[in-house]
C-alpha atoms as a PDB file:
ATOM      1  CA  MET A   1     -43.341  43.665  44.947  1.00  0.00           C
ATOM      2  CA  ILE A   2     -41.922  44.156  41.064  1.00  0.00           C
ATOM      3  CA  ASP A   3     -41.254  47.699  41.982  1.00  0.00           C
ATOM      4  CA  LYS A   4     -38.937  47.394  44.959  1.00  0.00           C
ATOM      5  CA  ILE A   5     -37.359  44.683  42.817  1.00  0.00           C
ATOM      6  CA  GLU A   6     -36.604  46.528  40.304  1.00  0.00           C
ATOM      7  CA  ARG A   7     -35.052  48.824  42.289  1.00  0.00           C
ATOM      8  CA  LEU A   8     -32.902  46.547  43.609  1.00  0.00           C
ATOM      9  CA  ILE A   9     -32.338  46.011  39.930  1.00  0.00           C
ATOM     10  CA  LEU A  10     -31.316  49.730  39.302  1.00  0.00           C
ATOM     11  CA  GLU A  11     -28.936  49.707  42.923  1.00  0.00           C
ATOM     12  CA  HIS A  12     -27.199  46.669  41.884  1.00  0.00           C
ATOM     13  CA  PHE A  13     -26.188  48.208  38.502  1.00  0.00           C
ATOM     14  CA  CYS A  14     -25.058  51.455  40.113  1.00  0.00           C
ATOM     15  CA  THR A  15     -22.798  49.655  42.635  1.00  0.00           C
ATOM     16  CA  VAL A  16     -21.735  46.138  41.680  1.00  0.00           C
ATOM     17  CA  PRO A  17     -20.053  46.485  38.269  1.00  0.00           C
ATOM     18  CA  PHE A  18     -19.444  43.828  35.596  1.00  0.00           C
ATOM     19  CA  HIS A  19     -16.103  42.713  35.147  1.00  0.00           C
ATOM     20  CA  ASN A  20     -14.107  39.885  33.778  1.00  0.00           C
ATOM     21  CA  LEU A  21     -10.722  40.645  35.878  1.00  0.00           C
ATOM     22  CA  ASN A  22     -11.271  37.945  37.917  1.00  0.00           C
ATOM     23  CA  LEU A  23     -11.652  35.576  34.558  1.00  0.00           C
ATOM     24  CA  LEU A  24      -8.570  37.493  32.704  1.00  0.00           C
ATOM     25  CA  TYR A  25      -6.066  37.383  35.798  1.00  0.00           C
ATOM     26  CA  GLY A  26      -7.202  35.318  38.389  1.00  0.00           C
ATOM     27  CA  SER A  27      -9.543  35.563  40.812  1.00  0.00           C
ATOM     28  CA  SER A  28      -7.422  35.582  43.855  1.00  0.00           C
ATOM     29  CA  GLN A  29      -6.509  38.941  42.994  1.00  0.00           C
ATOM     30  CA  ILE A  30      -9.916  40.912  42.286  1.00  0.00           C
ATOM     31  CA  ILE A  31     -11.647  40.134  45.772  1.00  0.00           C
ATOM     32  CA  ALA A  32     -11.752  43.597  47.029  1.00  0.00           C
ATOM     33  CA  ILE A  33     -13.250  44.700  43.585  1.00  0.00           C
ATOM     34  CA  PRO A  34     -17.278  43.922  43.740  1.00  0.00           C
ATOM     35  CA  GLY A  35     -19.403  42.393  41.173  1.00  0.00           C
ATOM     36  CA  GLY A  36     -17.869  39.788  38.646  1.00  0.00           C
ATOM     37  CA  THR A  37     -19.574  38.361  35.433  1.00  0.00           C
ATOM     38  CA  CYS A  38     -22.520  36.238  35.599  1.00  0.00           C
ATOM     39  CA  SER A  39     -22.141  34.225  38.085  1.00  0.00           C
ATOM     40  CA  ASP A  40     -20.856  37.213  40.650  1.00  0.00           C
ATOM     41  CA  LYS A  41     -23.473  39.359  40.224  1.00  0.00           C
ATOM     42  CA  THR A  42     -26.413  37.114  39.967  1.00  0.00           C
ATOM     43  CA  LEU A  43     -25.291  35.070  43.338  1.00  0.00           C
ATOM     44  CA  ALA A  44     -24.557  38.665  45.034  1.00  0.00           C
ATOM     45  CA  PHE A  45     -28.617  39.957  43.839  1.00  0.00           C
ATOM     46  CA  LEU A  46     -29.795  36.154  44.904  1.00  0.00           C
ATOM     47  CA  SER A  47     -28.701  36.856  48.458  1.00  0.00           C
ATOM     48  CA  ASP A  48     -30.080  40.049  48.516  1.00  0.00           C
ATOM     49  CA  LEU A  49     -33.507  39.174  47.450  1.00  0.00           C
ATOM     50  CA  ARG A  50     -33.584  35.985  50.021  1.00  0.00           C
ATOM     51  CA  MET A  51     -32.672  38.195  52.361  1.00  0.00           C
ATOM     52  CA  MET A  52     -36.155  40.843  51.488  1.00  0.00           C
ATOM     53  CA  GLY A  53     -38.005  37.467  51.404  1.00  0.00           C
ATOM     54  CA  VAL A  54     -38.269  36.751  47.813  1.00  0.00           C
ATOM     55  CA  LYS A  55     -39.063  33.328  46.324  1.00  0.00           C
ATOM     56  CA  ALA A  56     -36.257  33.283  44.144  1.00  0.00           C
ATOM     57  CA  PHE A  57     -33.440  30.804  42.804  1.00  0.00           C
ATOM     58  CA  LEU A  58     -30.769  30.521  40.656  1.00  0.00           C
ATOM     59  CA  HIS A  59     -31.702  29.589  36.774  1.00  0.00           C
ATOM     60  CA  THR A  60     -29.330  29.295  33.875  1.00  0.00           C
ATOM     61  CA  ALA A  61     -29.631  30.559  30.316  1.00  0.00           C
ATOM     62  CA  ASN A  62     -27.944  30.106  26.725  1.00  0.00           C
ATOM     63  CA  ILE A  63     -25.806  32.745  25.167  1.00  0.00           C
ATOM     64  CA  GLY A  64     -25.014  31.293  21.310  1.00  0.00           C
ATOM     65  CA  GLY A  65     -26.369  28.417  21.423  1.00  0.00           C
ATOM     66  CA  LYS A  66     -24.803  27.175  24.820  1.00  0.00           C
ATOM     67  CA  GLU A  67     -25.446  27.189  28.380  1.00  0.00           C
ATOM     68  CA  ILE A  68     -23.394  29.002  30.461  1.00  0.00           C
ATOM     69  CA  HIS A  69     -24.925  32.552  31.664  1.00  0.00           C
ATOM     70  CA  ARG A  70     -26.640  32.865  35.080  1.00  0.00           C
ATOM     71  CA  LEU A  71     -29.217  34.285  35.998  1.00  0.00           C
ATOM     72  CA  VAL A  72     -32.491  34.580  38.524  1.00  0.00           C
ATOM     73  CA  ARG A  73     -36.043  33.000  38.185  1.00  0.00           C
ATOM     74  CA  ILE A  74     -38.668  34.685  40.654  1.00  0.00           C
ATOM     75  CA  ASN A  75     -41.899  33.555  41.981  1.00  0.00           C
ATOM     76  CA  ILE A  76     -44.493  36.449  43.060  1.00  0.00           C
ATOM     77  CA  ASN A  77     -48.234  35.503  43.138  1.00  0.00           C
ATOM     78  CA  ASN A  78     -47.670  32.594  41.377  1.00  0.00           C
ATOM     79  CA  GLN A  79     -46.083  34.106  38.432  1.00  0.00           C
ATOM     80  CA  THR A  80     -42.385  33.594  37.174  1.00  0.00           C
ATOM     81  CA  TYR A  81     -40.178  36.452  36.411  1.00  0.00           C
ATOM     82  CA  PHE A  82     -36.162  36.723  35.771  1.00  0.00           C
ATOM     83  CA  ALA A  83     -33.798  39.202  36.510  1.00  0.00           C
ATOM     84  CA  ASP A  84     -30.734  39.418  34.420  1.00  0.00           C
ATOM     85  CA  VAL A  85     -28.156  41.837  36.381  1.00  0.00           C
ATOM     86  CA  GLY A  86     -25.293  39.474  35.451  1.00  0.00           C
ATOM     87  CA  ASN A  87     -24.825  40.331  31.234  1.00  0.00           C
ATOM     88  CA  GLY A  88     -23.144  43.681  30.968  1.00  0.00           C
ATOM     89  CA  TRP A  89     -26.043  45.307  29.764  1.00  0.00           C
ATOM     90  CA  PRO A  90     -28.470  47.070  31.676  1.00  0.00           C
ATOM     91  CA  THR A  91     -31.440  44.496  32.157  1.00  0.00           C
ATOM     92  CA  LEU A  92     -32.997  46.406  34.154  1.00  0.00           C
ATOM     93  CA  ARG A  93     -36.704  45.310  34.375  1.00  0.00           C
ATOM     94  CA  LEU A  94     -37.911  42.160  35.189  1.00  0.00           C
ATOM     95  CA  LEU A  95     -38.821  39.783  32.348  1.00  0.00           C
ATOM     96  CA  PRO A  96     -41.833  37.523  33.162  1.00  0.00           C
ATOM     97  CA  CYS A  97     -41.902  34.030  31.548  1.00  0.00           C
ATOM     98  CA  ASN A  98     -45.714  34.605  30.194  1.00  0.00           C
ATOM     99  CA  GLU A  99     -46.200  37.137  28.337  1.00  0.00           C
ATOM    100  CA  ASN A 100     -43.856  38.626  25.348  1.00  0.00           C
ATOM    101  CA  THR A 101     -42.851  42.314  27.385  1.00  0.00           C
ATOM    102  CA  GLN A 102     -40.628  45.258  25.841  1.00  0.00           C
ATOM    103  CA  PHE A 103     -38.807  48.410  27.526  1.00  0.00           C
ATOM    104  CA  GLU A 104     -35.943  50.906  26.808  1.00  0.00           C
ATOM    105  CA  CYS A 105     -32.668  51.615  28.761  1.00  0.00           C
ATOM    106  CA  TYR A 106     -30.470  54.584  28.546  1.00  0.00           C
ATOM    107  CA  GLY A 107     -31.129  54.484  24.354  1.00  0.00           C
ATOM    108  CA  MET A 108     -31.174  50.536  24.241  1.00  0.00           C
ATOM    109  CA  LYS A 109     -33.968  48.919  23.546  1.00  0.00           C
ATOM    110  CA  TYR A 110     -35.089  45.124  24.760  1.00  0.00           C
ATOM    111  CA  ARG A 111     -37.563  42.991  23.934  1.00  0.00           C
ATOM    112  CA  THR A 112     -38.583  38.796  24.620  1.00  0.00           C
ATOM    113  CA  GLU A 113     -40.863  36.486  22.788  1.00  0.00           C
ATOM    114  CA  ILE A 114     -42.142  33.446  24.287  1.00  0.00           C
ATOM    115  CA  ALA A 115     -41.700  30.276  22.456  1.00  0.00           C
ATOM    116  CA  LYS A 116     -42.800  27.278  23.938  1.00  0.00           C
ATOM    117  CA  ASN A 117     -40.617  26.769  27.027  1.00  0.00           C
ATOM    118  CA  TRP A 118     -38.135  29.431  25.796  1.00  0.00           C
ATOM    119  CA  ILE A 119     -38.017  33.483  26.209  1.00  0.00           C
ATOM    120  CA  LEU A 120     -36.029  34.792  23.938  1.00  0.00           C
ATOM    121  CA  VAL A 121     -34.109  38.021  24.833  1.00  0.00           C
ATOM    122  CA  PHE A 122     -34.023  40.584  22.216  1.00  0.00           C
ATOM    123  CA  HIS A 123     -31.708  43.336  22.793  1.00  0.00           C
ATOM    124  CA  GLU A 124     -31.131  46.720  19.993  1.00  0.00           C
ATOM    125  CA  ARG A 125     -28.272  49.091  20.347  1.00  0.00           C
ATOM    126  CA  GLN A 126     -27.198  52.008  17.566  1.00  0.00           C
ATOM    127  CA  GLY A 127     -30.308  50.577  15.479  1.00  0.00           C
ATOM    128  CA  LYS A 128     -29.239  47.236  15.237  1.00  0.00           C
ATOM    129  CA  GLU A 129     -30.806  44.403  16.912  1.00  0.00           C
ATOM    130  CA  SER A 130     -29.645  40.899  18.021  1.00  0.00           C
ATOM    131  CA  LEU A 131     -30.411  38.023  20.092  1.00  0.00           C
ATOM    132  CA  GLN A 132     -28.765  38.302  23.310  1.00  0.00           C
ATOM    133  CA  LEU A 133     -30.083  35.260  25.127  1.00  0.00           C
ATOM    134  CA  GLU A 134     -32.038  32.063  25.234  1.00  0.00           C
ATOM    135  CA  ILE A 135     -34.012  31.210  28.861  1.00  0.00           C
ATOM    136  CA  ASN A 136     -35.359  27.845  29.256  1.00  0.00           C
ATOM    137  CA  ILE A 137     -38.438  28.350  31.656  1.00  0.00           C
ATOM    138  CA  THR A 138     -37.689  24.636  33.385  1.00  0.00           C
ATOM    139  CA  PRO A 139     -35.627  24.771  36.807  1.00  0.00           C
ATOM    140  CA  ARG A 140     -32.238  22.947  37.084  1.00  0.00           C
ATOM    141  CA  PRO A 141     -31.505  21.666  40.362  1.00  0.00           C
ATOM    142  CA  GLU A 142     -29.541  24.197  42.065  1.00  0.00           C
ATOM    143  CA  GLN A 143     -27.138  22.358  42.762  1.00  0.00           C
ATOM    144  CA  GLU A 144     -25.960  21.550  39.240  1.00  0.00           C
ATOM    145  CA  ILE A 145     -25.455  24.691  38.717  1.00  0.00           C
ATOM    146  CA  TYR A 146     -23.549  25.614  42.083  1.00  0.00           C
ATOM    147  CA  SER A 147     -21.018  23.251  41.008  1.00  0.00           C
ATOM    148  CA  GLN A 148     -21.004  24.624  37.406  1.00  0.00           C
ATOM    149  CA  ILE A 149     -20.151  27.977  39.095  1.00  0.00           C
ATOM    150  CA  LYS A 150     -17.563  26.626  40.989  1.00  0.00           C
ATOM    151  CA  SER A 151     -15.901  25.124  38.137  1.00  0.00           C
ATOM    152  CA  ARG A 152     -16.567  27.883  35.293  1.00  0.00           C
ATOM    153  CA  TYR A 153     -12.746  29.289  35.351  1.00  0.00           C
ATOM    154  CA  SER A 154     -11.242  25.715  35.267  1.00  0.00           C
ATOM    155  CA  SER A 155     -14.147  23.765  33.076  1.00  0.00           C
ATOM    156  CA  GLY A 156     -12.919  25.186  29.631  1.00  0.00           C
ATOM    157  CA  VAL A 157     -15.574  26.905  28.621  1.00  0.00           C
ATOM    158  CA  ASN A 158     -14.736  30.045  26.088  1.00  0.00           C
ATOM    159  CA  TYR A 159     -17.172  32.904  27.053  1.00  0.00           C
ATOM    160  CA  PRO A 160     -17.659  35.835  25.067  1.00  0.00           C
ATOM    161  CA  PHE A 161     -15.473  38.091  27.078  1.00  0.00           C
ATOM    162  CA  SER A 162     -12.899  35.219  27.592  1.00  0.00           C
ATOM    163  CA  ARG A 163     -10.024  36.855  25.931  1.00  0.00           C
ATOM    164  CA  SER A 164     -11.096  40.478  26.328  1.00  0.00           C
ATOM    165  CA  LEU A 165     -11.377  43.225  29.324  1.00  0.00           C
ATOM    166  CA  ARG A 166     -15.156  44.281  30.267  1.00  0.00           C
ATOM    167  CA  PHE A 167     -15.984  47.308  32.654  1.00  0.00           C
ATOM    168  CA  SER A 168     -19.435  48.082  32.909  1.00  0.00           C
ATOM    169  CA  MET A 169     -21.779  49.906  35.506  1.00  0.00           C
ATOM    170  CA  ILE A 170     -24.167  52.958  35.655  1.00  0.00           C
ATOM    171  CA  VAL A 171     -22.328  55.896  36.459  1.00  0.00           C
ATOM    172  CA  GLY A 172     -24.353  58.741  36.855  1.00  0.00           C
ATOM    173  CA  LYS A 173     -27.069  59.139  34.479  1.00  0.00           C
ATOM    174  CA  GLU A 174     -25.046  57.526  31.584  1.00  0.00           C
ATOM    175  CA  PHE A 175     -24.413  53.523  30.950  1.00  0.00           C
ATOM    176  CA  LEU A 176     -20.873  53.157  30.473  1.00  0.00           C
ATOM    177  CA  PHE A 177     -19.141  49.540  28.682  1.00  0.00           C
ATOM    178  CA  LEU A 178     -15.335  49.146  29.009  1.00  0.00           C
ATOM    179  CA  ARG A 179     -15.136  46.798  25.609  1.00  0.00           C
ATOM    180  CA  GLY A 180     -10.653  46.013  25.070  1.00  0.00           C
ATOM    181  CA  ASN A 181      -9.954  49.577  24.634  1.00  0.00           C
ATOM    182  CA  ARG A 182     -13.024  51.340  23.718  1.00  0.00           C
ATOM    183  CA  LEU A 183     -14.849  53.367  26.480  1.00  0.00           C
ATOM    184  CA  GLU A 184     -19.162  53.434  25.492  1.00  0.00           C
ATOM    185  CA  ARG A 185     -20.813  55.788  26.861  1.00  0.00           C
ATOM    186  CA  TYR A 186     -24.887  55.377  26.675  1.00  0.00           C
ATOM    187  CA  SER A 187     -27.840  57.626  27.653  1.00  0.00           C
ATOM    188  CA  PHE A 188     -31.551  57.890  27.035  1.00  0.00           C
ATOM    189  CA  ASN A 189     -30.636  59.960  23.886  1.00  0.00           C
ATOM    190  CA  ASP A 190     -26.932  59.802  23.023  1.00  0.00           C
ATOM    191  CA  PHE A 191     -23.791  57.624  22.988  1.00  0.00           C
ATOM    192  CA  SER A 192     -20.879  58.019  22.062  1.00  0.00           C
ATOM    193  CA  VAL A 193     -17.669  55.469  21.889  1.00  0.00           C
ATOM    194  CA  GLU A 194     -13.552  56.815  22.789  1.00  0.00           C
ATOM    195  CA  LYS A 195     -10.314  54.603  22.037  1.00  0.00           C
ATOM    196  CA  LEU A 196      -8.235  54.421  24.644  1.00  0.00           C
ATOM    197  CA  LYS A 197      -4.498  54.088  24.847  1.00  0.00           C
ATOM    198  CA  LYS A 198      -3.658  51.275  26.991  1.00  0.00           C
ATOM    199  CA  ALA A 199      -1.663  52.343  29.207  1.00  0.00           C
ATOM    200  CA  THR A 200      -4.087  54.846  30.437  1.00  0.00           C
ATOM    201  CA  ILE A 201      -6.801  51.864  30.642  1.00  0.00           C
ATOM    202  CA  PRO A 202      -6.218  51.811  34.952  1.00  0.00           C
ATOM    203  CA  LYS A 203      -6.339  55.322  35.200  1.00  0.00           C
ATOM    204  CA  ILE A 204     -10.018  55.590  33.234  1.00  0.00           C
ATOM    205  CA  ILE A 205     -11.261  52.651  35.647  1.00  0.00           C
ATOM    206  CA  LYS A 206     -10.417  55.166  38.403  1.00  0.00           C
ATOM    207  CA  LYS A 207     -11.682  57.941  37.226  1.00  0.00           C
ATOM    208  CA  GLU A 208     -15.024  56.315  35.803  1.00  0.00           C
ATOM    209  CA  PHE A 209     -15.925  53.986  37.636  1.00  0.00           C
ATOM    210  CA  GLY A 210     -14.256  54.787  41.279  1.00  0.00           C
ATOM    211  CA  PHE A 211     -12.391  51.279  41.188  1.00  0.00           C
ATOM    212  CA  ASN A 212      -8.066  50.967  41.578  1.00  0.00           C
ATOM    213  CA  VAL A 213      -7.113  47.977  39.768  1.00  0.00           C
ATOM    214  CA  ASN A 214      -3.778  48.881  39.728  1.00  0.00           C
ATOM    215  CA  SER A 215      -2.721  46.946  43.140  1.00  0.00           C
ATOM    216  CA  TYR A 216      -4.187  43.684  41.609  1.00  0.00           C
ATOM    217  CA  VAL A 217      -3.249  44.095  37.667  1.00  0.00           C
ATOM    218  CA  ASP A 218       0.181  44.831  36.478  1.00  0.00           C
ATOM    219  CA  PHE A 219      -1.744  46.359  33.532  1.00  0.00           C
ATOM    220  CA  LYS A 220       1.315  47.619  31.475  1.00  0.00           C
ATOM    221  CA  HIS A 221       2.905  44.111  31.333  1.00  0.00           C
ATOM    222  CA  GLU A 222      -0.320  42.344  31.455  1.00  0.00           C
ATOM    223  CA  LEU A 223      -3.396  44.367  29.557  1.00  0.00           C
ATOM    224  CA  ASN A 224      -1.360  43.928  26.370  1.00  0.00           C
ATOM    225  CA  GLY A 225      -3.293  40.625  24.859  1.00  0.00           C
ATOM    226  CA  TYR A 226      -6.798  41.581  26.242  1.00  0.00           C
ATOM    227  CA  VAL A 227      -7.206  44.989  24.788  1.00  0.00           C
ATOM    228  CA  GLY A 228      -7.489  45.070  21.074  1.00  0.00           C
ATOM    229  CA  ASN A 229     -10.469  42.181  20.907  1.00  0.00           C
ATOM    230  CA  ILE A 230     -13.914  43.612  21.520  1.00  0.00           C
ATOM    231  CA  GLY A 231     -15.983  41.134  20.906  1.00  0.00           C
ATOM    232  CA  ASN A 232     -19.887  41.235  22.359  1.00  0.00           C
END
């Protein structure tokens, strides 16, 4: 079952992009583009898991000390795992709650540490490791999480990507991450970054990711405020 779920994780990273267009420009304008931020991607993944008959539940995690991230908690043979399909980076393996784990994806390294009732998830890219998120293992009522999701654009929460464009997914043999006006390419043995001109970004999203965003956003006028700040 673990292998089957991890294949589904990979499928989602290849077909459902992480992006913050709904957050930046209004959710009603981008409905034809799948994916979104952590809540959107997590809910889509949770739905697929439940259709498979997997015991899966909404869960939350902390980023930068704030409980602003959503992921999925999974029960398999009386063991608990977490699937994080929504943080923008390719976390392609399940994270067990009873043991430390480590793995590599697209030239990046992941490792976890169990600290009492918490799972600390570390992410290393380009030789620099950082604490990516903290998962409190104790479940919270799903209805509370759904309520947070419903109000996520109106609650005043400042996310790490609140003021800078994001678009990422696995494309072919690479993981691509558009952050502001920088297109980062990660593979198993290479990394490159390209600084883009603002006016070319819609064409790059179409060419590299296969999604047309021109129908929803007037990038020439609206993008200027969102491409300079790279953030996390």
